[in-house]
Structures are given as structure tokens and as C-alpha cells.
């Protein structure tokens, strides 16, 4: 661990204050997300149902079976999935921006989301649900991982393992794979095409308790990995030459971060579809709060991403209620406004 190689200024906010405040804000956001909807559920009922499920008999039941089903079976797993996806995409975005030294890098950089879209469209329009509800997440995950392997293979074939050329390879593969996904939509049943388009714009409607363990394990494992390698991320941010003098095998390290980011993004895309701008925005916000040390940036970005996506989901469920608006529309609008503000603030 090379914690001395820390770019930028020292953290602006102390983690001892920031992280507890962020966790409290996240819990309040989840409470609001479970409470708000087509059927409003009072906050005391929300926490009463959760407490009764976790510790049966702890509180007196004064809610209906319908309210309990809405809270426990629909809204709570959806809100938790929003937290996991937001945190995962933001953490991957922070690590990719560090390892590529490109502040516009995000999880879609490697064509991962495009690969996930291809797999999902293939399942929805062509193969059928041969594995039941697991078909779309499984094929989406396989597509995301396959796209990343293609990017790395193209990079090796072209002897282009530098940060900039890896980005270019990822962009090229992303366009090619997305074109293939669009072709699948064109060749598929027009009556089912709207389902694929909605998934490609992002959504959390697949959320179920049985789906959450995989994103949880993936998020925890990758966050631990990114944190343990935060010193190397700081060193690579200063330049490949500096990192090499510190004993880091830059190419191997960069590939390992890309692989971890591909794994985590592939898992999240498999359950949420394509959700843009979260991995692009949240690392910038985290750096404004805690400075440039990736040991602080990555967890701060993950917390910010979780809170942001929970509220984006609330908006997506409320704007055209009782229908769900694709959450990617909300994140895209906010992301566009954010980067216009960022360009004006930093005078790029």
C-alpha cells in the first residue's frame, strides 16, 4: 500500500463526520423510497413492518396485509437494489477515472453496458425465458463480461495497453456491440421490442429478495479490492512513470482494475439495465467532499451513488405514476445538467 502517493489536496471533510452522515442520509432516503409511491405508506408503518420482519413480535401489528406486501415484497428490495447499483457504478467510475487518468471515464467506458444490453435483448426477443426469471440477468451478465474480454483482446492485439488507448478500444467495442443489440431489436418481434428498449434505458423492476445476494457479494468484494489498492490507484494517477518507479507493474495493475470494474458493472447491469452518468458524476462529487485520495474517494462515491440512485428511482416512479419511467432518463437529465455546471465551474 502506497498511501504517500496521494494526488490533490487533503480531504475537505473528515471521514469521521462524512461517512456516518452519509449512512444516515442513505437510511432516510430508503425510508422515503419505501414510503412514497402510488400508494402512500406512512413512515412509522414502514419501519414497523421492517422491524416485525427482522424481529417478529417486537412491535404491535397495526397495518394491513396489503401494506406489508407493498413494503416488504416490492419497495424495500427495489430500494436496496437501487443502493447497490448506485454504489457499484460510482465505485467503478472512481477507480476507472483514477487508473485511466481520465475524469470522463465511467463504467460504460469498456463497452460493459453495451454487452449487457446485447445479452438482455437476446433473451427478451430471441431465446425466450428458458431459465425463467434468471434468463435476462444471466445473459446480460455474460454479455457484459464478453464485451470486456473483447476490449482487452483488441487492446492486446493492437499492443495498445496504455490508458488512453484502452479507453479508445472500449469506445470502439461499445459502439460495435450496441449496433449489434440494435440489430437484434430490429430483427425481433415488434410487439416485444418496447420491453427491450425499456430495459436498455434502465429500470429496477426486476428487484426481488432472491436477486440481491449476488449484487451484495459483488459490491462488497470489489469495494474491498479497490480500497486495498487505493495506494496504487493514487500512484497511477500521478503518471505511469511515477507508478513504475514505485515498483508498480502498471499494465498488469490497470488490467486488474479493469477486470474488477467489468465484473461489478456486469453484475449491476444484469439486474438494472443501462443506467448512465452515475459512475461519471459521483466521483466528481466525492472529490469535492473529500479531496483526491482514492482511499476516501471510492467509499464517498459509493455512498453518494447509492443516495442519488434511490432518489432517482423515487422520481422515476412518481413522475408518470402509476407507470414507471426508465430511470436512465432521470440520470441522463441530471448528468447533463451536472456536467454543464462542471464545465462552467472548472473552465475546461
Protein backbone atom coordinates (compact mmCIF):
# COMPACT_ATOMS: atom_id res chain seq x y z
CA UNK A 1 0.00 0.00 0.00
CA UNK A 2 1.43 3.31 -1.11
CA UNK A 3 -0.59 5.83 0.78
CA UNK A 4 2.08 8.50 0.38
CA UNK A 5 1.35 8.84 -3.34
CA UNK A 6 -1.80 10.88 -2.82
CA UNK A 7 -2.78 13.34 -5.54
CA UNK A 8 -4.65 16.54 -4.94
CA UNK A 9 -5.50 18.29 -1.78
CA UNK A 10 -6.21 16.69 1.57
CA UNK A 11 -9.80 15.77 2.27
CA UNK A 12 -12.10 18.69 2.81
CA UNK A 13 -14.41 16.80 5.16
CA UNK A 14 -13.32 14.36 7.83
CA UNK A 15 -14.45 10.78 7.17
CA UNK A 16 -15.44 10.51 10.85
CA UNK A 17 -18.18 13.05 10.08
CA UNK A 18 -18.86 12.37 6.41
CA UNK A 19 -19.47 8.63 6.44
CA UNK A 20 -21.90 8.48 9.40
CA UNK A 21 -23.78 11.43 7.92
CA UNK A 22 -23.85 9.68 4.53
CA UNK A 23 -25.14 6.43 6.04
CA UNK A 24 -27.85 8.32 7.94
CA UNK A 25 -28.87 10.14 4.75
CA UNK A 26 -28.98 6.81 2.92
CA UNK A 27 -31.25 5.25 5.55
CA UNK A 28 -33.56 8.28 5.40
CA UNK A 29 -33.60 8.03 1.60
CA UNK A 30 -34.52 4.35 1.71
CA UNK A 31 -37.31 5.14 4.18
CA UNK A 32 -38.66 7.80 1.84
CA UNK A 33 -38.40 5.47 -1.16
CA UNK A 34 -40.40 2.74 0.59
CA UNK A 35 -42.98 5.25 1.83
CA UNK A 36 -43.52 7.21 -1.40
CA UNK A 37 -45.43 5.72 -4.29
CA UNK A 38 -48.80 5.32 -5.94
CA UNK A 39 -49.99 4.02 -2.57
CA UNK A 40 -48.51 6.20 0.16
CA UNK A 41 -47.42 4.31 3.28
CA UNK A 42 -46.73 6.30 6.49
CA UNK A 43 -43.14 6.17 7.69
CA UNK A 44 -43.97 4.56 11.09
CA UNK A 45 -45.69 1.72 9.23
CA UNK A 46 -42.60 1.26 7.02
CA UNK A 47 -40.28 0.81 9.97
CA UNK A 48 -42.87 -1.21 11.86
CA UNK A 49 -43.10 -3.76 9.04
CA UNK A 50 -39.31 -3.94 8.69
CA UNK A 51 -38.84 -4.35 12.45
CA UNK A 52 -41.52 -7.06 12.58
CA UNK A 53 -39.90 -8.96 9.73
CA UNK A 54 -36.44 -8.79 11.29
CA UNK A 55 -37.56 -9.35 14.88
CA UNK A 56 -41.05 -10.92 14.92
CA UNK A 57 -43.21 -9.74 17.79
CA UNK A 58 -41.11 -6.67 18.54
CA UNK A 59 -43.87 -4.23 17.55
CA UNK A 60 -47.63 -4.45 17.53
CA UNK A 61 -49.02 -5.03 14.03
CA UNK A 62 -51.39 -2.20 13.08
CA UNK A 63 -51.04 -2.37 9.30
CA UNK A 64 -52.84 -4.26 6.57
CA UNK A 65 -51.56 -7.28 4.68
CA UNK A 66 -51.54 -5.14 1.54
CA UNK A 67 -49.27 -2.53 3.11
CA UNK A 68 -46.92 -5.24 4.33
CA UNK A 69 -46.72 -6.78 0.85
CA UNK A 70 -46.01 -3.39 -0.76
CA UNK A 71 -43.25 -2.59 1.73
CA UNK A 72 -41.51 -5.93 2.08
CA UNK A 73 -42.03 -7.61 -1.28
CA UNK A 74 -41.91 -4.66 -3.70
CA UNK A 75 -40.46 -1.37 -2.50
CA UNK A 76 -37.79 -2.42 0.01
CA UNK A 77 -35.93 -4.85 -2.29
CA UNK A 78 -36.21 -2.28 -5.09
CA UNK A 79 -34.71 0.44 -2.90
CA UNK A 80 -31.90 -1.84 -1.74
CA UNK A 81 -31.13 -2.76 -5.36
CA UNK A 82 -31.00 0.96 -6.18
CA UNK A 83 -28.44 1.41 -3.39
CA UNK A 84 -26.32 -1.48 -4.61
CA UNK A 85 -26.39 -0.43 -8.27
CA UNK A 86 -25.70 3.24 -7.47
CA UNK A 87 -22.84 2.38 -5.14
CA UNK A 88 -21.33 -0.14 -7.54
CA UNK A 89 -21.41 2.08 -10.63
CA UNK A 90 -20.00 5.04 -8.68
CA UNK A 91 -17.16 2.98 -7.17
CA UNK A 92 -16.22 1.58 -10.57
CA UNK A 93 -16.34 5.07 -12.08
CA UNK A 94 -13.98 6.41 -9.41
CA UNK A 95 -11.49 3.59 -9.90
CA UNK A 96 -11.56 3.86 -13.71
CA UNK A 97 -11.09 7.63 -13.60
CA UNK A 98 -8.04 7.09 -11.40
CA UNK A 99 -6.46 4.26 -13.37
CA UNK A 100 -7.01 5.93 -16.77
CA UNK A 101 -6.30 9.47 -15.54
CA UNK A 102 -9.44 10.45 -17.45
CA UNK A 103 -12.11 12.31 -15.48
CA UNK A 104 -14.72 11.46 -18.10
CA UNK A 105 -14.24 7.70 -17.67
CA UNK A 106 -17.16 5.67 -16.36
CA UNK A 107 -18.35 2.03 -16.25
CA UNK A 108 -19.63 2.24 -19.82
CA UNK A 109 -16.08 3.01 -20.92
CA UNK A 110 -15.23 -0.62 -21.68
CA UNK A 111 -18.41 -1.46 -23.55
CA UNK A 112 -19.61 -3.36 -20.47
CA UNK A 113 -23.10 -1.87 -20.50
CA UNK A 114 -23.40 -2.40 -24.25
CA UNK A 115 -22.54 -6.06 -23.79
CA UNK A 116 -25.12 -6.33 -21.03
CA UNK A 117 -27.72 -4.74 -23.29
CA UNK A 118 -26.91 -7.21 -26.05
CA UNK A 119 -27.39 -10.18 -23.71
CA UNK A 120 -30.65 -8.84 -22.33
CA UNK A 121 -32.11 -8.09 -25.78
CA UNK A 122 -31.08 -11.56 -26.93
CA UNK A 123 -33.03 -13.08 -24.02
CA UNK A 124 -36.07 -10.84 -24.30
CA UNK A 125 -36.59 -11.05 -28.06
CA UNK A 126 -34.91 -14.21 -29.33
CA UNK A 127 -34.04 -17.03 -26.93
CA UNK A 128 -37.09 -16.83 -24.70
CA UNK A 129 -37.05 -17.17 -20.91
CA UNK A 130 -35.56 -20.65 -20.90
CA UNK A 131 -34.24 -20.20 -17.34
CA UNK A 132 -37.27 -18.35 -16.02
CA UNK A 133 -36.66 -15.00 -14.35
CA UNK A 134 -32.90 -15.63 -14.23
CA UNK A 135 -32.61 -15.65 -18.04
CA UNK A 136 -32.28 -11.89 -18.57
CA UNK A 137 -29.80 -11.26 -15.70
CA UNK A 138 -27.68 -14.27 -16.66
CA UNK A 139 -27.41 -13.47 -20.38
CA UNK A 140 -26.89 -9.79 -19.58
CA UNK A 141 -24.02 -10.64 -17.24
CA UNK A 142 -22.44 -12.98 -19.79
CA UNK A 143 -22.75 -10.27 -22.45
CA UNK A 144 -21.11 -7.69 -20.20
CA UNK A 145 -18.17 -9.94 -19.37
CA UNK A 146 -17.78 -10.98 -23.02
CA UNK A 147 -17.62 -7.34 -24.14
CA UNK A 148 -14.87 -6.64 -21.62
CA UNK A 149 -12.88 -9.67 -22.82
CA UNK A 150 -13.21 -8.38 -26.38
CA UNK A 151 -11.90 -4.94 -25.34
CA UNK A 152 -8.88 -6.47 -23.63
CA UNK A 153 -8.24 -8.78 -26.60
CA UNK A 154 -8.42 -5.85 -29.04
CA UNK A 155 -6.04 -3.88 -26.84
CA UNK A 156 -3.52 -6.70 -26.71
CA UNK A 157 -3.84 -7.36 -30.44
CA UNK A 158 -3.12 -3.69 -31.18
CA UNK A 159 -0.42 -3.53 -28.49
CA UNK A 160 -2.44 -0.67 -27.01
CA UNK A 161 -2.33 -1.19 -23.27
CA UNK A 162 -1.83 2.45 -22.32
CA UNK A 163 -4.67 4.19 -20.51
CA UNK A 164 -5.71 6.35 -23.45
CA UNK A 165 -5.72 3.53 -25.97
CA UNK A 166 -7.65 1.22 -23.66
CA UNK A 167 -10.31 3.93 -23.49
CA UNK A 168 -10.38 4.17 -27.29
CA UNK A 169 -10.65 0.40 -27.62
CA UNK A 170 -13.53 0.39 -25.14
CA UNK A 171 -15.37 3.11 -27.04
CA UNK A 172 -14.94 1.28 -30.36
CA UNK A 173 -16.18 -2.04 -28.96
CA UNK A 174 -19.07 -0.27 -27.21
CA UNK A 175 -20.33 1.20 -30.48
CA UNK A 176 -19.98 -2.12 -32.30
CA UNK A 177 -21.77 -4.15 -29.60
CA UNK A 178 -24.57 -1.59 -29.25
CA UNK A 179 -25.08 -1.73 -33.01
CA UNK A 180 -25.49 -5.49 -32.72
CA UNK A 181 -28.01 -5.01 -29.91
CA UNK A 182 -29.98 -2.57 -32.06
CA UNK A 183 -29.92 -5.10 -34.89
CA UNK A 184 -31.42 -7.71 -32.54
CA UNK A 185 -34.21 -5.27 -31.73
CA UNK A 186 -34.81 -4.59 -35.43
CA UNK A 187 -35.00 -8.32 -36.22
CA UNK A 188 -37.11 -9.17 -33.17
CA UNK A 189 -40.86 -9.19 -32.63
CA UNK A 190 -42.04 -5.54 -32.83
CA UNK A 191 -44.66 -6.25 -30.18
CA UNK A 192 -41.98 -7.14 -27.65
CA UNK A 193 -39.43 -4.52 -28.70
CA UNK A 194 -40.72 -1.96 -26.18
CA UNK A 195 -39.70 -4.30 -23.34
CA UNK A 196 -36.11 -4.42 -24.59
CA UNK A 197 -35.99 -0.66 -25.13
CA UNK A 198 -37.25 -0.02 -21.58
CA UNK A 199 -34.57 -2.34 -20.16
CA UNK A 200 -31.87 -0.59 -22.21
CA UNK A 201 -32.92 2.72 -20.63
CA UNK A 202 -32.54 1.28 -17.12
CA UNK A 203 -35.04 0.10 -14.54
CA UNK A 204 -35.26 -1.62 -11.18
CA UNK A 205 -38.45 -3.58 -11.76
CA UNK A 206 -36.62 -6.93 -11.56
CA UNK A 207 -35.81 -6.37 -7.90
CA UNK A 208 -36.59 -9.35 -5.69
CA UNK A 209 -35.06 -10.56 -2.46
CA UNK A 210 -33.74 -13.66 -4.24
CA UNK A 211 -31.79 -11.43 -6.67
CA UNK A 212 -29.97 -9.33 -4.08
CA UNK A 213 -27.25 -11.70 -2.75
CA UNK A 214 -25.21 -11.62 -5.99
CA UNK A 215 -25.03 -7.78 -6.20
CA UNK A 216 -24.24 -7.62 -2.46
CA UNK A 217 -21.34 -10.07 -2.72
CA UNK A 218 -20.03 -8.40 -5.89
CA UNK A 219 -20.19 -4.92 -4.37
CA UNK A 220 -18.54 -5.84 -1.08
CA UNK A 221 -15.78 -7.83 -2.77
CA UNK A 222 -14.92 -5.13 -5.30
CA UNK A 223 -15.08 -2.31 -2.73
CA UNK A 224 -12.63 -4.19 -0.54
CA UNK A 225 -10.35 -4.76 -3.54
CA UNK A 226 -10.47 -1.10 -4.63
CA UNK A 227 -9.78 0.05 -1.07
CA UNK A 228 -6.80 -2.28 -0.67
CA UNK A 229 -5.35 -1.00 -3.96
CA UNK A 230 -6.13 2.69 -3.31
CA UNK A 231 -2.44 3.47 -2.81
CA UNK A 232 -1.60 2.07 -6.24
CA UNK A 233 -4.53 3.99 -7.73
CA UNK A 234 -3.11 7.19 -6.24
CA UNK A 235 0.31 6.41 -7.72
CA UNK A 236 -1.05 5.64 -11.21
CA UNK A 237 -3.00 8.90 -11.09
CA UNK A 238 0.34 10.71 -10.92
CA UNK A 239 1.51 9.03 -14.14
CA UNK A 240 2.78 5.68 -15.39
CA UNK A 241 6.42 6.65 -14.94
CA UNK A 242 5.91 7.68 -11.32
CA UNK A 243 4.00 4.48 -10.59
CA UNK A 244 6.71 2.37 -12.21
CA UNK A 245 9.42 3.97 -10.06
CA UNK A 246 7.35 2.94 -7.02
CA UNK A 247 7.51 -0.69 -8.10
CA UNK A 248 4.03 -0.99 -9.67
CA UNK A 249 3.55 -3.09 -12.80
CA UNK A 250 1.29 -0.50 -14.41
CA UNK A 251 -0.11 -2.59 -17.26
CA UNK A 252 -0.91 -5.55 -15.03
CA UNK A 253 -2.42 -3.35 -12.36
CA UNK A 254 -4.53 -1.43 -14.88
CA UNK A 255 -5.88 -4.68 -16.32
CA UNK A 256 -6.76 -5.97 -12.85
CA UNK A 257 -8.73 -2.80 -12.07
CA UNK A 258 -10.49 -3.04 -15.44
CA UNK A 259 -11.36 -6.67 -14.75
CA UNK A 260 -12.77 -5.88 -11.29
CA UNK A 261 -14.74 -2.97 -12.72
CA UNK A 262 -16.09 -5.17 -15.51
CA UNK A 263 -17.17 -7.82 -13.04
CA UNK A 264 -19.00 -5.38 -10.79
CA UNK A 265 -20.59 -3.41 -13.63
CA UNK A 266 -21.66 -6.59 -15.36
CA UNK A 267 -23.42 -7.76 -12.21
CA UNK A 268 -25.21 -4.44 -11.75
CA UNK A 269 -26.20 -4.08 -15.40
CA UNK A 270 -27.61 -7.60 -15.30
CA UNK A 271 -30.20 -6.53 -12.73
CA UNK A 272 -30.84 -2.89 -13.60
CA UNK A 273 -30.22 -2.41 -17.30
CA UNK A 274 -28.15 0.50 -18.59
CA UNK A 275 -28.07 3.42 -16.15
CA UNK A 276 -25.79 6.18 -17.31
CA UNK A 277 -23.95 9.06 -15.67
CA UNK A 278 -23.90 7.65 -12.11
CA UNK A 279 -20.33 6.42 -12.49
CA UNK A 280 -19.42 9.68 -14.21
CA UNK A 281 -20.92 12.17 -11.74
CA UNK A 282 -20.45 10.67 -8.31
CA UNK A 283 -16.62 10.50 -8.29
CA UNK A 284 -16.52 14.25 -9.04
CA UNK A 285 -18.90 14.95 -6.17
CA UNK A 286 -16.83 12.70 -3.87
CA UNK A 287 -13.62 14.57 -4.72
CA UNK A 288 -15.32 17.87 -3.92
CA UNK A 289 -16.18 16.45 -0.49
CA UNK A 290 -13.05 14.50 0.50
CA UNK A 291 -10.22 15.54 -1.83
CA UNK A 292 -8.19 13.32 -4.16
CA UNK A 293 -7.10 10.35 -2.03
CA UNK A 294 -8.81 7.28 -3.55
CA UNK A 295 -8.97 5.61 -0.13
CA UNK A 296 -11.60 8.28 0.64
CA UNK A 297 -12.95 8.98 -2.83
CA UNK A 298 -14.16 5.45 -3.58
CA UNK A 299 -16.30 4.93 -0.42
CA UNK A 300 -17.58 8.52 -0.63
CA UNK A 301 -18.52 7.98 -4.28
CA UNK A 302 -20.25 4.71 -3.40
CA UNK A 303 -22.34 6.40 -0.70
CA UNK A 304 -23.18 9.30 -3.00
CA UNK A 305 -24.15 6.94 -5.81
CA UNK A 306 -26.42 4.92 -3.53
CA UNK A 307 -28.27 8.01 -2.27
CA UNK A 308 -28.53 9.51 -5.75
CA UNK A 309 -29.98 6.40 -7.38
CA UNK A 310 -32.53 5.89 -4.61
CA UNK A 311 -33.88 9.40 -5.22
CA UNK A 312 -33.70 8.96 -9.00
CA UNK A 313 -35.86 5.86 -8.58
CA UNK A 314 -38.35 7.79 -6.45
CA UNK A 315 -38.66 10.39 -9.21
CA UNK A 316 -38.96 7.75 -11.93
CA UNK A 317 -41.86 6.12 -10.06
CA UNK A 318 -43.60 9.40 -9.31
CA UNK A 319 -43.44 11.49 -12.50
CA UNK A 320 -45.83 9.38 -14.57
CA UNK A 321 -47.39 7.30 -11.76
CA UNK A 322 -48.68 4.61 -11.75
CA UNK A 323 -46.30 3.85 -14.65
CA UNK A 324 -42.52 3.63 -14.19
CA UNK A 325 -40.35 5.99 -16.22
CA UNK A 326 -36.99 4.41 -17.19
CA UNK A 327 -34.53 5.53 -14.56
CA UNK A 328 -31.87 6.16 -17.20
CA UNK A 329 -33.90 9.15 -18.39
CA UNK A 330 -33.67 10.74 -14.94
CA UNK A 331 -29.96 10.08 -14.51
CA UNK A 332 -29.26 11.32 -18.04
CA UNK A 333 -31.07 14.62 -17.46
CA UNK A 334 -29.34 15.20 -14.13
CA UNK A 335 -25.99 14.14 -15.56
CA UNK A 336 -26.23 16.53 -18.48
CA UNK A 337 -27.04 19.47 -16.23
CA UNK A 338 -24.26 18.45 -13.83
CA UNK A 339 -21.59 18.43 -16.50
CA UNK A 340 -22.68 21.74 -17.95
CA UNK A 341 -22.23 23.14 -14.43
CA UNK A 342 -18.88 21.35 -14.05
CA UNK A 343 -17.57 22.74 -17.33
CA UNK A 344 -18.56 26.25 -16.28
CA UNK A 345 -17.05 25.82 -12.80
CA UNK A 346 -13.70 24.39 -13.91
CA UNK A 347 -13.34 26.36 -17.16
CA UNK A 348 -12.15 23.34 -19.17
